[in-house]
Amino acid sequence: MATKKPENMDFESALAELENLVNQLEEGDLSLEQSLKSFERGIQLVRAGQSRLTQAEQQVQILLQQDEEQLVAFTPGQEER
């Protein structure tokens, strides 16, 4: 099975693969070459995940800035007319 590029994976899939790689590395049963390949893949997954999180954070900030002017503080007992 061909391995997907991290940038083409959704965040949850990349995180699940990363967790799997960490578990394999922690078990210590991989050869040095396999460990290095797993580590490299893990770094790629982390970078792609961080990029996705940064994009999501920017989207949230943009949405909050757009709504900031439209939002009105709510005061209990005060009805809008």
C-alpha atoms as a PDB file:
ATOM      1  CA  MET A   1       0.000   0.000   0.000  1.00  0.00           C
ATOM      2  CA  ALA A   2       1.377   3.394  -0.974  1.00  0.00           C
ATOM      3  CA  THR A   3       1.867   5.852   1.840  1.00  0.00           C
ATOM      4  CA  LYS A   4       0.004   9.133   1.487  1.00  0.00           C
ATOM      5  CA  LYS A   5       1.906  12.376   1.616  1.00  0.00           C
ATOM      6  CA  PRO A   6       1.226  14.048   4.989  1.00  0.00           C
ATOM      7  CA  GLU A   7       0.025  17.229   3.312  1.00  0.00           C
ATOM      8  CA  ASN A   8      -2.687  15.173   1.533  1.00  0.00           C
ATOM      9  CA  MET A   9      -3.946  13.565   4.748  1.00  0.00           C
ATOM     10  CA  ASP A  10      -6.603  14.937   7.052  1.00  0.00           C
ATOM     11  CA  PHE A  11      -5.433  15.996  10.498  1.00  0.00           C
ATOM     12  CA  GLU A  12      -6.950  13.045  12.364  1.00  0.00           C
ATOM     13  CA  SER A  13      -5.406  10.443  10.029  1.00  0.00           C
ATOM     14  CA  ALA A  14      -1.990  12.060  10.282  1.00  0.00           C
ATOM     15  CA  LEU A  15      -2.247  12.149  14.074  1.00  0.00           C
ATOM     16  CA  ALA A  16      -3.273   8.482  14.225  1.00  0.00           C
ATOM     17  CA  GLU A  17      -0.334   7.470  12.041  1.00  0.00           C
ATOM     18  CA  LEU A  18       2.007   9.571  14.152  1.00  0.00           C
ATOM     19  CA  GLU A  19       0.774   7.879  17.336  1.00  0.00           C
ATOM     20  CA  ASN A  20       1.346   4.492  15.706  1.00  0.00           C
ATOM     21  CA  LEU A  21       4.899   5.448  14.721  1.00  0.00           C
ATOM     22  CA  VAL A  22       5.669   6.670  18.240  1.00  0.00           C
ATOM     23  CA  ASN A  23       4.421   3.390  19.691  1.00  0.00           C
ATOM     24  CA  GLN A  24       6.595   1.392  17.281  1.00  0.00           C
ATOM     25  CA  LEU A  25       9.647   3.496  18.113  1.00  0.00           C
ATOM     26  CA  GLU A  26       9.018   3.188  21.854  1.00  0.00           C
ATOM     27  CA  GLU A  27       8.830  -0.606  21.593  1.00  0.00           C
ATOM     28  CA  GLY A  28      12.397  -0.585  20.283  1.00  0.00           C
ATOM     29  CA  ASP A  29      11.936  -3.557  17.945  1.00  0.00           C
ATOM     30  CA  LEU A  30      12.774  -1.665  14.759  1.00  0.00           C
ATOM     31  CA  SER A  31      16.171  -1.755  13.111  1.00  0.00           C
ATOM     32  CA  LEU A  32      18.196   1.446  13.021  1.00  0.00           C
ATOM     33  CA  GLU A  33      17.253   2.008   9.370  1.00  0.00           C
ATOM     34  CA  GLN A  34      13.545   1.413  10.073  1.00  0.00           C
ATOM     35  CA  SER A  35      13.722   3.698  13.099  1.00  0.00           C
ATOM     36  CA  LEU A  36      15.245   6.496  11.049  1.00  0.00           C
ATOM     37  CA  LYS A  37      12.607   6.118   8.325  1.00  0.00           C
ATOM     38  CA  SER A  38       9.855   6.145  10.949  1.00  0.00           C
ATOM     39  CA  PHE A  39      11.378   9.194  12.618  1.00  0.00           C
ATOM     40  CA  GLU A  40      11.565  11.012   9.276  1.00  0.00           C
ATOM     41  CA  ARG A  41       7.929  10.142   8.526  1.00  0.00           C
ATOM     42  CA  GLY A  42       6.964  11.327  11.994  1.00  0.00           C
ATOM     43  CA  ILE A  43       8.640  14.688  11.416  1.00  0.00           C
ATOM     44  CA  GLN A  44       6.747  15.064   8.136  1.00  0.00           C
ATOM     45  CA  LEU A  45       3.470  14.259   9.891  1.00  0.00           C
ATOM     46  CA  VAL A  46       4.184  16.732  12.699  1.00  0.00           C
ATOM     47  CA  ARG A  47       4.984  19.521  10.250  1.00  0.00           C
ATOM     48  CA  ALA A  48       1.836  18.869   8.211  1.00  0.00           C
ATOM     49  CA  GLY A  49      -0.273  18.734  11.389  1.00  0.00           C
ATOM     50  CA  GLN A  50       1.219  21.955  12.706  1.00  0.00           C
ATOM     51  CA  SER A  51       0.514  23.626   9.376  1.00  0.00           C
ATOM     52  CA  ARG A  52      -3.126  22.509   9.518  1.00  0.00           C
ATOM     53  CA  LEU A  53      -3.477  23.763  13.098  1.00  0.00           C
ATOM     54  CA  THR A  54      -1.984  27.123  12.149  1.00  0.00           C
ATOM     55  CA  GLN A  55      -4.413  27.418   9.222  1.00  0.00           C
ATOM     56  CA  ALA A  56      -7.349  26.563  11.462  1.00  0.00           C
ATOM     57  CA  GLU A  57      -6.245  29.114  14.050  1.00  0.00           C
ATOM     58  CA  GLN A  58      -5.994  31.800  11.369  1.00  0.00           C
ATOM     59  CA  GLN A  59      -9.480  30.953  10.104  1.00  0.00           C
ATOM     60  CA  VAL A  60     -10.898  31.250  13.621  1.00  0.00           C
ATOM     61  CA  GLN A  61      -9.182  34.604  14.130  1.00  0.00           C
ATOM     62  CA  ILE A  62     -10.577  35.914  10.842  1.00  0.00           C
ATOM     63  CA  LEU A  63     -14.080  34.771  11.747  1.00  0.00           C
ATOM     64  CA  LEU A  64     -13.841  36.353  15.179  1.00  0.00           C
ATOM     65  CA  GLN A  65     -12.593  39.629  13.726  1.00  0.00           C
ATOM     66  CA  GLN A  66     -15.464  39.698  11.225  1.00  0.00           C
ATOM     67  CA  ASP A  67     -18.005  39.062  13.959  1.00  0.00           C
ATOM     68  CA  GLU A  68     -16.406  41.408  16.494  1.00  0.00           C
ATOM     69  CA  GLU A  69     -18.174  44.443  15.071  1.00  0.00           C
ATOM     70  CA  GLN A  70     -21.485  42.610  14.794  1.00  0.00           C
ATOM     71  CA  LEU A  71     -21.502  41.132  18.291  1.00  0.00           C
ATOM     72  CA  VAL A  72     -23.302  43.037  21.027  1.00  0.00           C
ATOM     73  CA  ALA A  73     -22.797  42.336  24.710  1.00  0.00           C
ATOM     74  CA  PHE A  74     -25.725  40.481  26.227  1.00  0.00           C
ATOM     75  CA  THR A  75     -27.278  41.913  29.357  1.00  0.00           C
ATOM     76  CA  PRO A  76     -29.796  39.664  31.110  1.00  0.00           C
ATOM     77  CA  GLY A  77     -33.270  41.216  31.354  1.00  0.00           C
ATOM     78  CA  GLN A  78     -32.648  43.520  28.439  1.00  0.00           C
ATOM     79  CA  GLU A  79     -34.643  42.616  25.330  1.00  0.00           C
ATOM     80  CA  GLU A  80     -33.816  43.678  21.819  1.00  0.00           C
ATOM     81  CA  ARG A  81     -36.532  45.723  20.125  1.00  0.00           C
END
